[in-house]
Protein backbone atom coordinates (compact mmCIF):
# COMPACT_ATOMS: atom_id res chain seq x y z
CA GLN A 1 18.71 8.11 -1.17
CA VAL A 2 15.50 6.63 0.17
CA GLN A 3 12.85 5.96 -2.43
CA LEU A 4 9.44 4.36 -2.40
CA VAL A 5 7.96 4.11 -5.86
CA GLU A 6 4.36 2.97 -6.25
CA SER A 7 2.97 1.58 -9.48
CA GLY A 8 0.00 -0.37 -10.76
CA GLY A 9 -2.76 2.18 -10.35
CA GLY A 10 -5.26 2.99 -13.04
CA LEU A 11 -8.88 2.98 -14.11
CA VAL A 12 -10.88 -0.17 -13.42
CA GLN A 13 -14.55 -1.05 -13.53
CA PRO A 14 -16.47 -1.92 -10.38
CA GLY A 15 -15.84 -5.53 -9.44
CA GLY A 16 -12.45 -5.50 -11.10
CA SER A 17 -8.99 -6.07 -9.69
CA LEU A 18 -5.67 -4.25 -9.52
CA ARG A 19 -2.31 -5.03 -7.96
CA LEU A 20 -0.28 -2.17 -6.61
CA SER A 21 3.45 -2.44 -6.10
CA CYS A 22 5.80 -0.33 -4.02
CA ALA A 23 9.50 -0.72 -4.76
CA ALA A 24 11.82 0.42 -1.99
CA SER A 25 15.45 1.45 -2.11
CA GLY A 26 17.97 3.30 0.01
CA PHE A 27 17.23 1.55 3.31
CA THR A 28 17.18 -1.95 4.82
CA PHE A 29 13.73 -3.03 3.72
CA SER A 30 13.52 -6.03 6.04
CA ASN A 31 13.85 -3.74 9.08
CA TYR A 32 10.71 -1.83 8.21
CA ALA A 33 7.03 -2.52 8.61
CA MET A 34 5.15 -1.52 5.48
CA SER A 35 1.67 -0.18 4.98
CA TRP A 36 -0.68 1.16 2.35
CA TYR A 37 -2.74 4.28 2.89
CA ARG A 38 -5.23 6.00 0.65
CA GLN A 39 -6.65 9.47 0.36
CA ALA A 40 -9.76 10.42 -1.57
CA PRO A 41 -10.45 14.04 -2.57
CA GLY A 42 -11.69 16.03 0.40
CA LYS A 43 -11.01 13.21 2.85
CA GLU A 44 -8.26 12.42 5.31
CA ARG A 45 -5.60 9.87 4.52
CA GLU A 46 -6.56 6.49 5.95
CA LEU A 47 -4.75 3.26 6.66
CA VAL A 48 -5.73 0.47 4.27
CA ALA A 49 -3.41 -2.39 5.19
CA ALA A 50 -0.17 -3.06 7.04
CA ILE A 51 2.36 -5.87 7.21
CA THR A 52 5.16 -6.61 9.64
CA ASN A 53 8.77 -6.68 8.51
CA THR A 54 8.80 -10.46 8.15
CA GLY A 55 5.36 -10.65 6.62
CA ALA A 56 4.13 -12.81 9.46
CA ARG A 57 1.29 -10.52 10.44
CA THR A 58 -1.07 -8.29 8.52
CA ASN A 59 -3.81 -5.86 9.41
CA TYR A 60 -6.63 -4.37 7.33
CA ALA A 61 -9.17 -1.61 7.50
CA ASP A 62 -12.67 -3.02 7.95
CA SER A 63 -13.70 -1.52 4.63
CA VAL A 64 -11.25 -3.68 2.66
CA LYS A 65 -11.16 -6.93 4.68
CA GLY A 66 -11.75 -9.92 2.48
CA ARG A 67 -11.11 -7.90 -0.70
CA PHE A 68 -7.53 -6.61 -0.37
CA THR A 69 -4.37 -8.54 0.43
CA ILE A 70 -1.06 -7.02 1.43
CA SER A 71 2.14 -8.98 0.91
CA ARG A 72 5.86 -8.36 0.62
CA ASP A 73 8.92 -9.85 -0.98
CA ASN A 74 11.98 -8.91 1.06
CA ALA A 75 14.28 -10.32 -1.61
CA LYS A 76 12.84 -7.80 -4.09
CA ASN A 77 12.38 -4.95 -1.59
CA THR A 78 8.78 -4.68 -2.69
CA VAL A 79 5.39 -4.58 -1.01
CA TYR A 80 2.17 -5.34 -2.85
CA LEU A 81 -1.51 -4.63 -2.46
CA GLN A 82 -3.78 -7.00 -4.32
CA MET A 83 -7.19 -5.40 -4.66
CA THR A 84 -10.24 -7.36 -5.77
CA SER A 85 -13.99 -6.69 -5.95
CA LEU A 86 -13.20 -3.02 -6.30
CA LYS A 87 -15.91 -0.48 -5.52
CA PRO A 88 -16.28 3.17 -6.55
CA GLU A 89 -15.58 4.14 -2.95
CA ASP A 90 -12.11 2.62 -3.30
CA THR A 91 -11.23 5.47 -5.63
CA ALA A 92 -8.29 7.34 -4.12
CA ALA A 93 -4.60 8.02 -4.33
CA TYR A 94 -2.79 5.09 -2.74
CA TYR A 95 0.48 5.59 -0.87
CA CYS A 96 2.93 3.16 0.65
CA LYS A 97 4.73 3.91 3.87
CA ALA A 98 7.80 2.39 5.49
CA LYS A 99 8.25 2.56 9.25
CA GLN A 100 11.49 1.64 10.94
CA LEU A 101 10.94 -0.88 13.73
CA ALA A 102 13.86 0.17 15.92
CA GLY A 103 16.12 3.13 16.43
CA TRP A 104 14.57 6.48 15.54
CA GLY A 105 11.45 5.04 13.99
CA TYR A 106 11.95 6.79 10.68
CA GLU A 107 9.02 6.89 8.31
CA TYR A 108 9.13 7.23 4.54
CA TRP A 109 6.33 7.81 2.08
CA GLY A 110 5.96 7.16 -1.61
CA GLN A 111 4.54 9.67 -4.07
CA GLY A 112 1.28 7.81 -4.57
CA THR A 113 -0.55 6.08 -7.39
CA GLN A 114 -4.11 6.87 -8.44
CA VAL A 115 -6.81 4.21 -8.42
CA THR A 116 -10.12 5.08 -10.04
CA VAL A 117 -13.04 2.67 -9.93
CA SER A 118 -15.72 3.70 -12.37
CA SER A 119 -17.91 2.30 -15.10
């Protein structure tokens, strides 16, 4: 069955770094664009970063530009989010999403991983 499993979250001090991973299975990973979203308590889920199926293009929310980098390894069916210069306002649950590029446009979500930025 389809699975997206995020990992790499945790507690980090302001200014620190974390790398999130999202391991995919159960579908043809290279046919899907991938993205990272986050949701803080009491707030709506927001797009953080996205990457095309080949990795040729990426897109970022203004709030994370220059600090976060999304990448993917199609051989490992994994998408990453490298986060640097973390701020308390980056605290949220982070989710990865897969979106099929053709056909029915299926979307799949992971279960999320918590990132807490605090001193």
